[in-house]
């Protein structure tokens, strides 16, 4: 988890340093990158979560805008630089909405100092909005693999493959996918529990409720059990779909 979060910070600082190339002198660019890295680490406060790191970087906004602010600061101080800031890519265009990064004053966050952040831009994780599923796979390979395994578990239910010892194959595959979800770094624990618990809730509670509705109040226990096993597989599939959709949505929100 620490390595991925640190790499996220390094990528962000590198993008800022690249934007400063040709704008600041080499010594200015190096000092700017060091100060930016120090400010990021100060905002992280030792947090190693990938999600929290992405939120911190989102607060700093567009690296090109940070270079603009640094160039203006040096110009106002009468310090010569190399040239104007390069134009932003088209994805960064838009009217300013608020000023970033925030400046801390006496422990409080002052929003009035900084550079204007384009509306609708979140570049902290190095992911552009609308980048597509390929970027999602590249940024969260372990999490996407976990979702694929859970989907495979649901798809195996109609085929009824032979059990492994006493365990149904879909249950074994679901358990493997659940382990991958639990070790995923991008979800919070509550999100993981919801995602992997949905199939089990669907299998048990859904099977009992739907099976009970199908047999009615006057049916015996044997008929209820038969109906439970008739519908529980389908309810397991529905629960898996809901869990995968939930976890996938949380990944998209993070990206």
Protein backbone atom coordinates (compact mmCIF):
# COMPACT_ATOMS: atom_id res chain seq x y z
CA UNK A 1 0.00 0.00 0.00
CA UNK A 2 2.80 2.41 0.92
CA UNK A 3 4.68 1.80 -2.32
CA UNK A 4 1.65 2.52 -4.50
CA UNK A 5 0.77 5.67 -2.58
CA UNK A 6 4.37 6.89 -2.73
CA UNK A 7 4.46 6.19 -6.46
CA UNK A 8 1.31 8.26 -6.85
CA UNK A 9 3.06 11.18 -5.16
CA UNK A 10 6.19 10.73 -7.28
CA UNK A 11 4.13 10.72 -10.46
CA UNK A 12 2.40 13.93 -9.43
CA UNK A 13 5.64 15.71 -8.54
CA UNK A 14 7.21 14.49 -11.78
CA UNK A 15 4.33 15.96 -13.77
CA UNK A 16 4.82 19.27 -12.01
CA UNK A 17 8.57 19.17 -12.70
CA UNK A 18 7.91 18.37 -16.37
CA UNK A 19 5.54 21.34 -16.59
CA UNK A 20 8.26 23.54 -15.08
CA UNK A 21 10.80 22.46 -17.69
CA UNK A 22 11.58 25.43 -19.92
CA UNK A 23 9.76 27.75 -17.50
CA UNK A 24 12.00 27.68 -14.44
CA UNK A 25 15.75 27.41 -14.29
CA UNK A 26 17.11 24.03 -13.27
CA UNK A 27 17.86 25.15 -9.71
CA UNK A 28 14.42 26.77 -9.43
CA UNK A 29 12.74 23.65 -10.78
CA UNK A 30 14.58 21.44 -8.30
CA UNK A 31 13.71 23.69 -5.37
CA UNK A 32 10.08 23.87 -6.52
CA UNK A 33 9.81 20.07 -6.74
CA UNK A 34 11.33 19.65 -3.29
CA UNK A 35 8.96 22.15 -1.70
CA UNK A 36 5.99 20.59 -3.44
CA UNK A 37 6.96 17.11 -2.22
CA UNK A 38 7.42 18.44 1.32
CA UNK A 39 3.98 20.12 1.27
CA UNK A 40 2.35 16.94 0.00
CA UNK A 41 3.95 14.87 2.75
CA UNK A 42 2.85 17.47 5.30
CA UNK A 43 -0.75 17.19 4.09
CA UNK A 44 -0.60 13.38 4.11
CA UNK A 45 0.38 13.40 7.82
CA UNK A 46 1.82 9.92 7.53
CA UNK A 47 -1.28 8.42 5.94
CA UNK A 48 -0.36 5.55 3.62
CA UNK A 49 -3.77 4.83 2.10
CA UNK A 50 -3.93 5.10 -1.67
CA UNK A 51 -7.37 6.69 -1.41
CA UNK A 52 -6.26 9.31 1.12
CA UNK A 53 -3.17 10.12 -0.91
CA UNK A 54 -5.29 10.64 -4.01
CA UNK A 55 -7.54 13.01 -2.07
CA UNK A 56 -4.54 14.99 -0.87
CA UNK A 57 -3.18 15.32 -4.40
CA UNK A 58 -6.60 16.32 -5.67
CA UNK A 59 -6.47 19.21 -3.24
CA UNK A 60 -3.32 20.51 -4.88
CA UNK A 61 -5.03 20.53 -8.29
CA UNK A 62 -3.41 20.87 -11.69
CA UNK A 63 0.42 20.71 -11.60
CA UNK A 64 0.62 23.18 -14.50
CA UNK A 65 -1.31 25.68 -12.42
CA UNK A 66 1.16 25.20 -9.58
CA UNK A 67 4.00 26.05 -11.95
CA UNK A 68 2.11 29.17 -13.02
CA UNK A 69 1.84 30.24 -9.41
CA UNK A 70 5.55 29.61 -8.80
CA UNK A 71 6.53 31.57 -11.93
CA UNK A 72 4.35 34.50 -10.83
CA UNK A 73 5.84 34.40 -7.34
CA UNK A 74 9.36 34.57 -8.71
CA UNK A 75 8.43 37.32 -11.16
CA UNK A 76 6.90 39.42 -8.39
CA UNK A 77 10.08 38.94 -6.37
CA UNK A 78 12.15 40.13 -9.34
CA UNK A 79 13.80 36.74 -9.86
CA UNK A 80 14.34 35.93 -13.56
CA UNK A 81 12.98 32.66 -14.94
CA UNK A 82 13.37 30.96 -18.31
CA UNK A 83 10.04 31.57 -19.99
CA UNK A 84 6.23 31.42 -19.89
CA UNK A 85 4.32 28.39 -18.67
CA UNK A 86 3.29 25.98 -21.39
CA UNK A 87 -0.35 25.91 -22.32
CA UNK A 88 -2.50 23.38 -20.53
CA UNK A 89 -3.81 20.34 -22.38
CA UNK A 90 -7.40 20.58 -23.63
CA UNK A 91 -8.61 18.33 -20.79
CA UNK A 92 -7.60 20.99 -18.29
CA UNK A 93 -9.52 23.86 -19.88
CA UNK A 94 -12.45 25.36 -18.05
CA UNK A 95 -13.46 28.32 -15.94
CA UNK A 96 -11.85 28.64 -12.50
CA UNK A 97 -14.05 27.60 -9.62
CA UNK A 98 -11.86 27.97 -6.57
CA UNK A 99 -8.24 28.55 -5.72
CA UNK A 100 -5.80 25.76 -4.96
CA UNK A 101 -3.76 24.50 -3.21
CA UNK A 102 -5.15 25.61 0.17
CA UNK A 103 -2.88 27.58 2.44
CA UNK A 104 -2.84 26.72 6.14
CA UNK A 105 -3.09 29.68 8.48
CA UNK A 106 -2.86 28.87 12.18
CA UNK A 107 -3.97 25.29 11.56
CA UNK A 108 -7.01 26.36 9.52
CA UNK A 109 -7.32 26.06 5.78
CA UNK A 110 -7.51 29.35 3.91
CA UNK A 111 -9.07 28.96 0.48
CA UNK A 112 -8.17 32.41 -0.77
CA UNK A 113 -4.52 31.72 -1.58
CA UNK A 114 -3.27 29.64 -4.43
CA UNK A 115 -3.98 29.17 -8.09
CA UNK A 116 -7.29 28.71 -9.83
CA UNK A 117 -8.25 25.09 -10.37
CA UNK A 118 -10.20 24.32 -13.57
CA UNK A 119 -13.74 23.11 -12.99
CA UNK A 120 -14.28 19.37 -13.01
CA UNK A 121 -10.60 18.42 -13.06
CA UNK A 122 -9.18 15.74 -10.81
CA UNK A 123 -5.68 14.90 -11.96
CA UNK A 124 -4.16 13.86 -8.66
CA UNK A 125 -4.06 10.17 -9.40
CA UNK A 126 -2.75 10.71 -12.88
CA UNK A 127 -6.09 9.63 -14.27
CA UNK A 128 -8.14 11.82 -16.58
CA UNK A 129 -11.89 11.65 -16.36
CA UNK A 130 -13.28 9.47 -19.10
CA UNK A 131 -9.98 7.62 -19.47
CA UNK A 132 -11.87 4.36 -19.82
CA UNK A 133 -11.60 0.83 -18.55
CA UNK A 134 -8.00 0.41 -19.70
CA UNK A 135 -6.83 3.09 -17.28
CA UNK A 136 -8.93 1.55 -14.51
CA UNK A 137 -7.24 -1.81 -15.05
CA UNK A 138 -3.80 -0.23 -15.10
CA UNK A 139 -4.41 1.76 -11.93
CA UNK A 140 -6.20 -0.99 -9.96
CA UNK A 141 -5.11 -4.37 -11.42
CA UNK A 142 -5.61 -6.34 -8.19
CA UNK A 143 -9.05 -4.90 -7.58
CA UNK A 144 -10.22 -5.49 -11.14
CA UNK A 145 -8.94 -9.08 -10.96
CA UNK A 146 -10.98 -9.59 -7.78
CA UNK A 147 -14.13 -8.35 -9.53
CA UNK A 148 -13.51 -10.71 -12.46
CA UNK A 149 -13.16 -13.68 -10.10
CA UNK A 150 -16.44 -12.79 -8.38
CA UNK A 151 -18.19 -12.56 -11.74
CA UNK A 152 -16.81 -15.97 -12.71
CA UNK A 153 -18.18 -17.40 -9.45
CA UNK A 154 -21.66 -16.17 -10.36
CA UNK A 155 -21.44 -17.43 -13.95
CA UNK A 156 -20.52 -20.93 -12.76
CA UNK A 157 -23.77 -21.35 -10.81
CA UNK A 158 -26.04 -22.39 -13.75
CA UNK A 159 -23.52 -24.99 -14.96
CA UNK A 160 -23.45 -26.83 -11.59
CA UNK A 161 -19.85 -28.14 -11.86
CA UNK A 162 -18.82 -31.09 -9.64
CA UNK A 163 -18.03 -30.11 -6.07
CA UNK A 164 -14.48 -29.88 -4.77
CA UNK A 165 -14.62 -32.30 -1.84
CA UNK A 166 -17.79 -31.01 -0.12
CA UNK A 167 -17.59 -27.44 -1.40
CA UNK A 168 -19.46 -26.23 -4.49
CA UNK A 169 -17.11 -24.76 -7.10
CA UNK A 170 -18.88 -21.38 -7.22
CA UNK A 171 -18.42 -21.07 -3.46
CA UNK A 172 -14.70 -21.84 -3.77
CA UNK A 173 -14.27 -19.27 -6.54
CA UNK A 174 -16.27 -16.73 -4.53
CA UNK A 175 -13.97 -17.33 -1.53
CA UNK A 176 -10.91 -16.71 -3.74
CA UNK A 177 -12.42 -13.49 -5.07
CA UNK A 178 -13.31 -12.40 -1.55
CA UNK A 179 -9.71 -12.83 -0.43
CA UNK A 180 -8.58 -10.64 -3.32
CA UNK A 181 -11.15 -8.02 -2.38
CA UNK A 182 -10.03 -8.03 1.25
CA UNK A 183 -6.44 -7.41 0.15
CA UNK A 184 -7.45 -4.67 -2.27
CA UNK A 185 -5.89 -1.34 -1.37
CA UNK A 186 -8.41 0.98 -3.00
CA UNK A 187 -11.54 0.09 -1.02
CA UNK A 188 -12.31 0.92 2.56
CA UNK A 189 -13.10 -2.01 4.80
CA UNK A 190 -16.81 -1.24 4.93
CA UNK A 191 -16.97 -1.21 1.13
CA UNK A 192 -15.19 -4.56 0.97
CA UNK A 193 -17.59 -6.15 3.45
CA UNK A 194 -20.60 -4.94 1.48
CA UNK A 195 -19.16 -6.19 -1.80
CA UNK A 196 -18.27 -9.70 -0.68
CA UNK A 197 -21.23 -10.05 1.67
CA UNK A 198 -23.89 -9.30 -0.94
CA UNK A 199 -23.73 -12.77 -2.56
CA UNK A 200 -24.03 -14.54 0.80
CA UNK A 201 -26.94 -12.35 1.86
CA UNK A 202 -28.59 -13.02 -1.47
CA UNK A 203 -28.02 -16.77 -1.12
CA UNK A 204 -29.31 -17.10 2.45
CA UNK A 205 -31.84 -14.34 3.07
CA UNK A 206 -32.92 -14.15 -0.55
CA UNK A 207 -33.31 -17.90 -0.77
CA UNK A 208 -35.40 -18.05 2.39
CA UNK A 209 -37.62 -15.12 1.47
CA UNK A 210 -38.21 -16.02 -2.18
CA UNK A 211 -38.48 -19.72 -1.40
CA UNK A 212 -41.00 -18.99 1.34
CA UNK A 213 -43.06 -16.81 -0.96
CA UNK A 214 -43.14 -19.54 -3.57
CA UNK A 215 -44.37 -22.31 -1.26
CA UNK A 216 -46.76 -20.23 0.84
CA UNK A 217 -47.53 -20.40 4.55
CA UNK A 218 -49.11 -23.87 4.54
CA UNK A 219 -46.18 -25.77 3.00
CA UNK A 220 -44.07 -28.12 5.04
CA UNK A 221 -40.40 -27.76 5.93
CA UNK A 222 -39.32 -30.19 3.22
CA UNK A 223 -40.99 -28.17 0.48
CA UNK A 224 -39.48 -24.98 1.86
CA UNK A 225 -35.99 -26.51 1.78
CA UNK A 226 -36.53 -27.70 -1.80
CA UNK A 227 -37.65 -24.28 -2.92
CA UNK A 228 -34.74 -22.69 -1.07
CA UNK A 229 -32.19 -24.68 -3.06
CA UNK A 230 -34.13 -24.02 -6.27
CA UNK A 231 -33.86 -20.25 -5.93
CA UNK A 232 -30.77 -19.70 -3.77
CA UNK A 233 -28.38 -20.10 -6.71
CA UNK A 234 -30.17 -17.39 -8.65
CA UNK A 235 -30.22 -15.14 -5.59
CA UNK A 236 -26.49 -15.76 -5.16
CA UNK A 237 -25.94 -14.55 -8.73
CA UNK A 238 -28.04 -11.43 -8.14
CA UNK A 239 -26.17 -10.67 -4.93
CA UNK A 240 -22.84 -11.11 -6.71
CA UNK A 241 -23.87 -8.71 -9.46
CA UNK A 242 -24.92 -6.11 -6.89
CA UNK A 243 -21.67 -6.54 -4.97
CA UNK A 244 -19.53 -6.24 -8.10
CA UNK A 245 -21.45 -3.17 -9.26
CA UNK A 246 -20.94 -1.56 -5.85
CA UNK A 247 -17.21 -2.27 -5.75
CA UNK A 248 -16.77 -1.20 -9.36
CA UNK A 249 -18.60 2.05 -8.66
CA UNK A 250 -16.32 2.80 -5.73
CA UNK A 251 -13.29 2.23 -7.98
CA UNK A 252 -14.66 4.63 -10.56
CA UNK A 253 -15.29 7.24 -7.88
CA UNK A 254 -11.73 6.89 -6.65
CA UNK A 255 -10.33 7.17 -10.17
